[in-house]
Amino acid sequence: MPRRKHDLHGNVPDESASALLLLDVINDFEFAGSDKLLKYASAVVPKLTALKVQARAAGIPAVYVNDNFGRWTSDFRHLLEHLSQ
């Protein structure tokens, strides 16, 4: 299991030989034409969920890479609040 940083509440390992990169998987789909994309994106969710569970079980950290609506931020709770509205 990778060592964890103390300054980021234990969420980020100091070192890891590998990582699961999740690119643009957090999205509110509030844009023109999103309804056409949503059905394809929704089909991928179970596979990504299983992959994340396997990575966690193996001690592999997951890194989310999103543009967060044009603003970089690490406030995950705020992002989830926006998405649940």
C-alpha atoms as a PDB file:
ATOM      1  CA  MET A   1       0.000   0.000   0.000  1.00  0.00           C
ATOM      2  CA  PRO A   2       1.451   3.432  -0.913  1.00  0.00           C
ATOM      3  CA  ARG A   3       2.442   5.825   1.861  1.00  0.00           C
ATOM      4  CA  ARG A   4      -0.074   8.640   2.315  1.00  0.00           C
ATOM      5  CA  LYS A   5       0.479  12.376   2.621  1.00  0.00           C
ATOM      6  CA  HIS A   6      -0.576  13.989   5.868  1.00  0.00           C
ATOM      7  CA  ASP A   7      -1.383  17.410   4.394  1.00  0.00           C
ATOM      8  CA  LEU A   8      -4.147  16.134   2.067  1.00  0.00           C
ATOM      9  CA  HIS A   9      -6.140  14.204   4.675  1.00  0.00           C
ATOM     10  CA  GLY A  10      -4.556  10.893   3.689  1.00  0.00           C
ATOM     11  CA  ASN A  11      -6.135  10.899   0.226  1.00  0.00           C
ATOM     12  CA  VAL A  12      -3.013  11.119  -1.899  1.00  0.00           C
ATOM     13  CA  PRO A  13      -0.116   8.650  -1.697  1.00  0.00           C
ATOM     14  CA  ASP A  14       3.425   9.996  -1.600  1.00  0.00           C
ATOM     15  CA  GLU A  15       4.475   7.364  -4.122  1.00  0.00           C
ATOM     16  CA  SER A  16       2.775   4.879  -6.378  1.00  0.00           C
ATOM     17  CA  ALA A  17       4.104   2.752  -9.220  1.00  0.00           C
ATOM     18  CA  SER A  18       0.779   3.135 -11.017  1.00  0.00           C
ATOM     19  CA  ALA A  19      -2.452   5.118 -10.905  1.00  0.00           C
ATOM     20  CA  LEU A  20      -5.911   4.928 -12.410  1.00  0.00           C
ATOM     21  CA  LEU A  21      -6.562   8.116 -14.391  1.00  0.00           C
ATOM     22  CA  LEU A  22     -10.238   8.985 -14.790  1.00  0.00           C
ATOM     23  CA  LEU A  23     -10.533  11.658 -17.473  1.00  0.00           C
ATOM     24  CA  ASP A  24     -13.603  13.908 -17.650  1.00  0.00           C
ATOM     25  CA  VAL A  25     -15.915  11.476 -15.854  1.00  0.00           C
ATOM     26  CA  ILE A  26     -17.554  14.140 -13.669  1.00  0.00           C
ATOM     27  CA  ASN A  27     -20.006  16.139 -15.751  1.00  0.00           C
ATOM     28  CA  ASP A  28     -23.424  17.729 -15.276  1.00  0.00           C
ATOM     29  CA  PHE A  29     -24.294  17.351 -18.988  1.00  0.00           C
ATOM     30  CA  GLU A  30     -25.717  20.859 -19.092  1.00  0.00           C
ATOM     31  CA  PHE A  31     -24.688  21.720 -22.653  1.00  0.00           C
ATOM     32  CA  ALA A  32     -26.260  21.628 -26.092  1.00  0.00           C
ATOM     33  CA  GLY A  33     -26.459  18.108 -27.468  1.00  0.00           C
ATOM     34  CA  SER A  34     -25.655  16.457 -24.147  1.00  0.00           C
ATOM     35  CA  ASP A  35     -28.722  14.226 -24.413  1.00  0.00           C
ATOM     36  CA  LYS A  36     -27.067  12.445 -27.366  1.00  0.00           C
ATOM     37  CA  LEU A  37     -23.873  11.852 -25.391  1.00  0.00           C
ATOM     38  CA  LEU A  38     -25.507  10.922 -22.076  1.00  0.00           C
ATOM     39  CA  LYS A  39     -26.711   7.502 -23.214  1.00  0.00           C
ATOM     40  CA  TYR A  40     -23.155   6.514 -24.207  1.00  0.00           C
ATOM     41  CA  ALA A  41     -21.584   7.967 -21.079  1.00  0.00           C
ATOM     42  CA  SER A  42     -24.135   6.201 -18.863  1.00  0.00           C
ATOM     43  CA  ALA A  43     -23.269   2.856 -20.454  1.00  0.00           C
ATOM     44  CA  VAL A  44     -19.642   3.236 -19.323  1.00  0.00           C
ATOM     45  CA  VAL A  45     -20.434   3.961 -15.651  1.00  0.00           C
ATOM     46  CA  PRO A  46     -20.719   0.326 -14.454  1.00  0.00           C
ATOM     47  CA  LYS A  47     -17.390  -0.555 -16.095  1.00  0.00           C
ATOM     48  CA  LEU A  48     -15.626   2.461 -14.588  1.00  0.00           C
ATOM     49  CA  THR A  49     -17.133   1.680 -11.188  1.00  0.00           C
ATOM     50  CA  ALA A  50     -15.838  -1.903 -11.336  1.00  0.00           C
ATOM     51  CA  LEU A  51     -12.415  -0.688 -12.442  1.00  0.00           C
ATOM     52  CA  LYS A  52     -12.233   1.777  -9.556  1.00  0.00           C
ATOM     53  CA  VAL A  53     -13.239  -0.931  -7.052  1.00  0.00           C
ATOM     54  CA  GLN A  54     -10.491  -3.209  -8.414  1.00  0.00           C
ATOM     55  CA  ALA A  55      -7.917  -0.409  -8.279  1.00  0.00           C
ATOM     56  CA  ARG A  56      -8.806   0.422  -4.677  1.00  0.00           C
ATOM     57  CA  ALA A  57      -8.573  -3.241  -3.672  1.00  0.00           C
ATOM     58  CA  ALA A  58      -5.102  -3.375  -5.251  1.00  0.00           C
ATOM     59  CA  GLY A  59      -3.987  -0.178  -3.473  1.00  0.00           C
ATOM     60  CA  ILE A  60      -3.831   1.792  -6.731  1.00  0.00           C
ATOM     61  CA  PRO A  61      -4.838   5.450  -6.324  1.00  0.00           C
ATOM     62  CA  ALA A  62      -7.468   6.992  -8.599  1.00  0.00           C
ATOM     63  CA  VAL A  63      -6.792  10.435 -10.036  1.00  0.00           C
ATOM     64  CA  TYR A  64      -9.703  12.410 -11.444  1.00  0.00           C
ATOM     65  CA  VAL A  65      -8.786  14.813 -14.243  1.00  0.00           C
ATOM     66  CA  ASN A  66     -11.579  17.284 -15.018  1.00  0.00           C
ATOM     67  CA  ASP A  67     -11.712  20.914 -16.077  1.00  0.00           C
ATOM     68  CA  ASN A  68     -14.380  21.470 -13.392  1.00  0.00           C
ATOM     69  CA  PHE A  69     -16.427  23.906 -15.442  1.00  0.00           C
ATOM     70  CA  GLY A  70     -13.395  25.975 -16.424  1.00  0.00           C
ATOM     71  CA  ARG A  71     -12.101  26.344 -12.832  1.00  0.00           C
ATOM     72  CA  TRP A  72      -9.589  24.023 -11.220  1.00  0.00           C
ATOM     73  CA  THR A  73     -10.573  23.187  -7.665  1.00  0.00           C
ATOM     74  CA  SER A  74     -10.167  20.323  -5.244  1.00  0.00           C
ATOM     75  CA  ASP A  75     -13.464  20.829  -3.392  1.00  0.00           C
ATOM     76  CA  PHE A  76     -15.078  17.522  -4.334  1.00  0.00           C
ATOM     77  CA  ARG A  77     -18.057  18.030  -1.992  1.00  0.00           C
ATOM     78  CA  HIS A  78     -18.907  21.339  -3.694  1.00  0.00           C
ATOM     79  CA  LEU A  79     -18.715  19.680  -7.101  1.00  0.00           C
ATOM     80  CA  LEU A  80     -21.045  16.877  -5.995  1.00  0.00           C
ATOM     81  CA  GLU A  81     -23.463  19.442  -4.579  1.00  0.00           C
ATOM     82  CA  HIS A  82     -23.561  21.212  -7.970  1.00  0.00           C
ATOM     83  CA  LEU A  83     -24.125  17.925  -9.811  1.00  0.00           C
ATOM     84  CA  SER A  84     -26.987  16.861  -7.535  1.00  0.00           C
ATOM     85  CA  GLN A  85     -29.015  20.037  -8.139  1.00  0.00           C
END
